[in-house]
C-alpha atoms as a PDB file:
ATOM      1  CA  MET A   1       4.707   9.636  49.855  1.00  0.00           C
ATOM      2  CA  LEU A   2       8.335  10.028  48.845  1.00  0.00           C
ATOM      3  CA  TRP A   3       9.905  10.407  45.428  1.00  0.00           C
ATOM      4  CA  GLY A   4      13.535   9.498  44.992  1.00  0.00           C
ATOM      5  CA  CYS A   5      16.025   8.587  42.321  1.00  0.00           C
ATOM      6  CA  PHE A   6      19.423   6.950  42.113  1.00  0.00           C
ATOM      7  CA  SER A   7      22.086   5.694  39.767  1.00  0.00           C
ATOM      8  CA  ALA A   8      25.026   3.368  40.253  1.00  0.00           C
ATOM      9  CA  LYS A   9      26.901   6.473  41.409  1.00  0.00           C
ATOM     10  CA  GLY A  10      24.636   6.811  44.452  1.00  0.00           C
ATOM     11  CA  PRO A  11      21.289   8.141  45.623  1.00  0.00           C
ATOM     12  CA  GLY A  12      19.901  11.301  44.081  1.00  0.00           C
ATOM     13  CA  ARG A  13      17.324  13.603  45.590  1.00  0.00           C
ATOM     14  CA  LEU A  14      14.565  12.430  47.895  1.00  0.00           C
ATOM     15  CA  ILE A  15      11.502  14.606  48.364  1.00  0.00           C
ATOM     16  CA  ARG A  16       8.215  14.357  50.187  1.00  0.00           C
ATOM     17  CA  VAL A  17       5.105  14.492  48.023  1.00  0.00           C
ATOM     18  CA  LYS A  18       2.353  15.889  50.228  1.00  0.00           C
ATOM     19  CA  GLU A  19      -0.639  15.257  48.001  1.00  0.00           C
ATOM     20  CA  ARG A  20      -1.833  12.744  45.467  1.00  0.00           C
ATOM     21  CA  MET A  21       0.501  12.892  42.511  1.00  0.00           C
ATOM     22  CA  SER A  22      -0.946  13.866  39.156  1.00  0.00           C
ATOM     23  CA  GLY A  23       0.806  13.627  35.810  1.00  0.00           C
ATOM     24  CA  ALA A  24       1.502  17.369  35.893  1.00  0.00           C
ATOM     25  CA  MET A  25       2.978  17.061  39.389  1.00  0.00           C
ATOM     26  CA  TYR A  26       5.107  14.125  38.259  1.00  0.00           C
ATOM     27  CA  ARG A  27       6.555  16.163  35.413  1.00  0.00           C
ATOM     28  CA  GLU A  28       7.233  19.055  37.800  1.00  0.00           C
ATOM     29  CA  ILE A  29       9.031  16.682  40.196  1.00  0.00           C
ATOM     30  CA  LEU A  30      11.172  15.401  37.348  1.00  0.00           C
ATOM     31  CA  SER A  31      11.957  18.938  36.253  1.00  0.00           C
ATOM     32  CA  ASP A  32      12.849  20.122  39.753  1.00  0.00           C
ATOM     33  CA  ASN A  33      14.680  17.017  40.982  1.00  0.00           C
ATOM     34  CA  LEU A  34      15.783  14.562  38.307  1.00  0.00           C
ATOM     35  CA  LEU A  35      18.079  16.840  36.321  1.00  0.00           C
ATOM     36  CA  PRO A  36      19.695  18.342  39.453  1.00  0.00           C
ATOM     37  CA  SER A  37      20.239  14.783  40.735  1.00  0.00           C
ATOM     38  CA  ALA A  38      21.845  13.713  37.462  1.00  0.00           C
ATOM     39  CA  ARG A  39      24.140  16.757  37.610  1.00  0.00           C
ATOM     40  CA  ALA A  40      25.043  16.151  41.267  1.00  0.00           C
ATOM     41  CA  LEU A  41      25.809  12.499  40.493  1.00  0.00           C
ATOM     42  CA  LYS A  42      28.012  13.668  37.605  1.00  0.00           C
ATOM     43  CA  MET A  43      26.133  11.571  35.093  1.00  0.00           C
ATOM     44  CA  LYS A  44      27.751  11.469  31.670  1.00  0.00           C
ATOM     45  CA  ARG A  45      25.943  12.561  28.533  1.00  0.00           C
ATOM     46  CA  GLY A  46      23.607   9.929  27.200  1.00  0.00           C
ATOM     47  CA  TRP A  47      22.374   8.622  30.557  1.00  0.00           C
ATOM     48  CA  VAL A  48      19.130   6.684  30.451  1.00  0.00           C
ATOM     49  CA  PHE A  49      16.068   7.303  32.624  1.00  0.00           C
ATOM     50  CA  GLN A  50      14.062   4.390  33.985  1.00  0.00           C
ATOM     51  CA  HIS A  51      10.604   4.513  35.456  1.00  0.00           C
ATOM     52  CA  ASP A  52       7.843   1.927  35.544  1.00  0.00           C
ATOM     53  CA  ASN A  53       4.473   1.772  33.802  1.00  0.00           C
ATOM     54  CA  ASP A  54       2.518   3.863  36.273  1.00  0.00           C
ATOM     55  CA  PRO A  55      -0.164   5.756  34.306  1.00  0.00           C
ATOM     56  CA  LYS A  56       1.525   9.087  35.152  1.00  0.00           C
ATOM     57  CA  HIS A  57       4.705   7.793  33.564  1.00  0.00           C
ATOM     58  CA  THR A  58       3.077   6.465  30.417  1.00  0.00           C
ATOM     59  CA  ALA A  59       0.667   9.363  29.865  1.00  0.00           C
ATOM     60  CA  ARG A  60       0.945  11.048  26.494  1.00  0.00           C
ATOM     61  CA  ALA A  61       1.775  14.394  28.148  1.00  0.00           C
ATOM     62  CA  THR A  62       4.615  12.826  30.144  1.00  0.00           C
ATOM     63  CA  LYS A  63       6.041  11.029  27.123  1.00  0.00           C
ATOM     64  CA  GLU A  64       5.915  14.270  25.156  1.00  0.00           C
ATOM     65  CA  TRP A  65       7.578  16.201  28.013  1.00  0.00           C
ATOM     66  CA  LEU A  66      10.368  13.614  28.211  1.00  0.00           C
ATOM     67  CA  ARG A  67      10.817  13.752  24.435  1.00  0.00           C
ATOM     68  CA  LYS A  68      11.019  17.565  24.412  1.00  0.00           C
ATOM     69  CA  LYS A  69      13.580  17.464  27.221  1.00  0.00           C
ATOM     70  CA  HIS A  70      15.621  14.902  25.214  1.00  0.00           C
ATOM     71  CA  PHE A  71      15.466  12.196  27.888  1.00  0.00           C
ATOM     72  CA  LYS A  72      16.472   8.708  26.853  1.00  0.00           C
ATOM     73  CA  VAL A  73      13.958   6.409  28.537  1.00  0.00           C
ATOM     74  CA  LEU A  74      14.513   2.719  29.186  1.00  0.00           C
ATOM     75  CA  GLU A  75      11.603   0.817  27.684  1.00  0.00           C
ATOM     76  CA  TRP A  76       9.693  -1.130  30.313  1.00  0.00           C
ATOM     77  CA  PRO A  77       7.425  -3.978  29.187  1.00  0.00           C
ATOM     78  CA  SER A  78       3.772  -3.583  30.070  1.00  0.00           C
ATOM     79  CA  GLN A  79       2.417  -6.053  32.614  1.00  0.00           C
ATOM     80  CA  SER A  80       5.971  -6.656  33.819  1.00  0.00           C
ATOM     81  CA  PRO A  81       6.720  -7.570  37.419  1.00  0.00           C
ATOM     82  CA  ASP A  82       8.180  -4.764  39.470  1.00  0.00           C
ATOM     83  CA  LEU A  83      11.857  -5.602  39.097  1.00  0.00           C
ATOM     84  CA  ASN A  84      13.030  -2.033  39.484  1.00  0.00           C
ATOM     85  CA  PRO A  85      16.332  -2.028  41.421  1.00  0.00           C
ATOM     86  CA  ILE A  86      15.227   1.007  43.431  1.00  0.00           C
ATOM     87  CA  GLU A  87      13.008  -1.373  45.408  1.00  0.00           C
ATOM     88  CA  ASN A  88      16.194  -2.519  47.172  1.00  0.00           C
ATOM     89  CA  LEU A  89      16.874   1.069  48.222  1.00  0.00           C
ATOM     90  CA  TRP A  90      13.313   1.572  49.488  1.00  0.00           C
ATOM     91  CA  ARG A  91      13.683  -1.571  51.583  1.00  0.00           C
ATOM     92  CA  GLU A  92      17.012  -0.380  52.979  1.00  0.00           C
ATOM     93  CA  LEU A  93      15.499   3.015  53.775  1.00  0.00           C
ATOM     94  CA  LYS A  94      12.516   1.396  55.516  1.00  0.00           C
ATOM     95  CA  VAL A  95      14.835  -0.749  57.663  1.00  0.00           C
ATOM     96  CA  ARG A  96      16.988   2.239  58.602  1.00  0.00           C
ATOM     97  CA  VAL A  97      13.973   4.414  59.421  1.00  0.00           C
ATOM     98  CA  ALA A  98      12.255   1.681  61.453  1.00  0.00           C
ATOM     99  CA  GLN A  99      15.378   1.297  63.586  1.00  0.00           C
ATOM    100  CA  ARG A 100      15.142   4.964  64.530  1.00  0.00           C
ATOM    101  CA  GLN A 101      11.446   4.673  65.489  1.00  0.00           C
ATOM    102  CA  PRO A 102      10.017   8.031  64.380  1.00  0.00           C
ATOM    103  CA  GLN A 103       7.153   9.194  66.594  1.00  0.00           C
ATOM    104  CA  ASN A 104       5.356  11.527  64.172  1.00  0.00           C
ATOM    105  CA  ILE A 105       5.184  12.466  60.510  1.00  0.00           C
ATOM    106  CA  THR A 106       7.672  15.321  60.905  1.00  0.00           C
ATOM    107  CA  ALA A 107      10.247  13.026  62.502  1.00  0.00           C
ATOM    108  CA  LEU A 108       9.529  10.409  59.833  1.00  0.00           C
ATOM    109  CA  GLU A 109      10.267  12.887  57.054  1.00  0.00           C
ATOM    110  CA  GLU A 110      13.462  14.141  58.719  1.00  0.00           C
ATOM    111  CA  ILE A 111      14.729  10.631  59.395  1.00  0.00           C
ATOM    112  CA  CYS A 112      13.936   9.525  55.836  1.00  0.00           C
ATOM    113  CA  MET A 113      15.967  12.416  54.437  1.00  0.00           C
ATOM    114  CA  GLU A 114      18.881  11.763  56.803  1.00  0.00           C
ATOM    115  CA  GLU A 115      18.982   8.028  56.167  1.00  0.00           C
ATOM    116  CA  TRP A 116      18.593   8.387  52.382  1.00  0.00           C
ATOM    117  CA  ALA A 117      21.626  10.662  52.334  1.00  0.00           C
ATOM    118  CA  LYS A 118      23.624   8.041  54.279  1.00  0.00           C
ATOM    119  CA  ILE A 119      22.992   5.190  51.827  1.00  0.00           C
ATOM    120  CA  PRO A 120      26.400   4.667  50.228  1.00  0.00           C
ATOM    121  CA  ALA A 121      26.992   4.319  46.513  1.00  0.00           C
ATOM    122  CA  THR A 122      28.389   0.843  47.221  1.00  0.00           C
ATOM    123  CA  PHE A 123      24.944  -0.277  48.436  1.00  0.00           C
ATOM    124  CA  VAL A 124      23.358   1.169  45.309  1.00  0.00           C
ATOM    125  CA  GLN A 125      25.862  -0.646  43.126  1.00  0.00           C
ATOM    126  CA  LEU A 126      25.271  -3.897  45.013  1.00  0.00           C
ATOM    127  CA  SER A 127      21.499  -3.482  44.575  1.00  0.00           C
ATOM    128  CA  GLU A 128      21.948  -3.073  40.868  1.00  0.00           C
ATOM    129  CA  ASN A 129      24.317  -6.040  40.638  1.00  0.00           C
ATOM    130  CA  ILE A 130      21.827  -8.228  42.479  1.00  0.00           C
ATOM    131  CA  SER A 131      19.119  -7.244  40.014  1.00  0.00           C
ATOM    132  CA  LYS A 132      21.297  -7.927  36.919  1.00  0.00           C
ATOM    133  CA  ILE A 133      18.333  -7.442  34.615  1.00  0.00           C
ATOM    134  CA  GLY A 134      18.817  -5.749  31.279  1.00  0.00           C
ATOM    135  CA  LYS A 135      20.942  -2.646  31.666  1.00  0.00           C
ATOM    136  CA  PHE A 136      20.259  -2.039  35.377  1.00  0.00           C
ATOM    137  CA  GLY A 137      23.942  -2.374  36.234  1.00  0.00           C
ATOM    138  CA  ASP A 138      24.746   0.444  33.808  1.00  0.00           C
ATOM    139  CA  PRO A 139      26.015   3.501  35.732  1.00  0.00           C
ATOM    140  CA  ASN A 140      24.364   5.708  33.121  1.00  0.00           C
ATOM    141  CA  ILE A 141      20.823   4.774  34.154  1.00  0.00           C
ATOM    142  CA  VAL A 142      18.912   6.940  36.603  1.00  0.00           C
ATOM    143  CA  THR A 143      16.005   5.170  38.253  1.00  0.00           C
ATOM    144  CA  GLU A 144      13.117   6.756  40.111  1.00  0.00           C
ATOM    145  CA  LYS A 145      10.144   5.564  42.087  1.00  0.00           C
ATOM    146  CA  CYS A 146       7.731   6.709  44.749  1.00  0.00           C
ATOM    147  CA  SER A 147       7.278   4.918  48.035  1.00  0.00           C
ATOM    148  CA  GLN A 148       5.015   5.238  51.039  1.00  0.00           C
ATOM    149  CA  LEU A 149       6.753   4.974  54.385  1.00  0.00           C
ATOM    150  CA  CYS A 150       3.979   6.202  56.657  1.00  0.00           C
ATOM    151  CA  ALA A 151       3.162   2.577  57.544  1.00  0.00           C
ATOM    152  CA  LEU A 152       6.251   2.692  59.761  1.00  0.00           C
ATOM    153  CA  LEU A 153       4.425   5.053  62.099  1.00  0.00           C
ATOM    154  CA  GLU A 154       1.591   2.583  62.539  1.00  0.00           C
ATOM    155  CA  LYS A 155       3.833  -0.001  64.266  1.00  0.00           C
END
């Protein structure tokens, strides 16, 4: 599984998650990767974090962690369809990776990292403009999501 984030300024970090993600692991990933991504993307003060309603995201411990870290979190309605603009990036990454035809999990991980880094900020901005839902076009929103790309190896 991969965890990645982005803003209208471009893609942030992408990491491989090697085991089933728990709430504690999710918070550790945010701590180790979200803030460095926001800094690298030169996000202005007051940026807003968006994640969906996965139980790890809505757990009391996660909400408390986000509150203590002074994160502004975009409210996401429960039972909402997955309209997260990062889905466009995952699709783009899957297309790019499939074109390179990785032969094993190591190659898959390397290619994912390489291709993620190549996704231009203009694609990210276009993805957000296509979504045009709520504040998704706001350059001060950082969005994250996990995705499984191992299915590409099964082809």
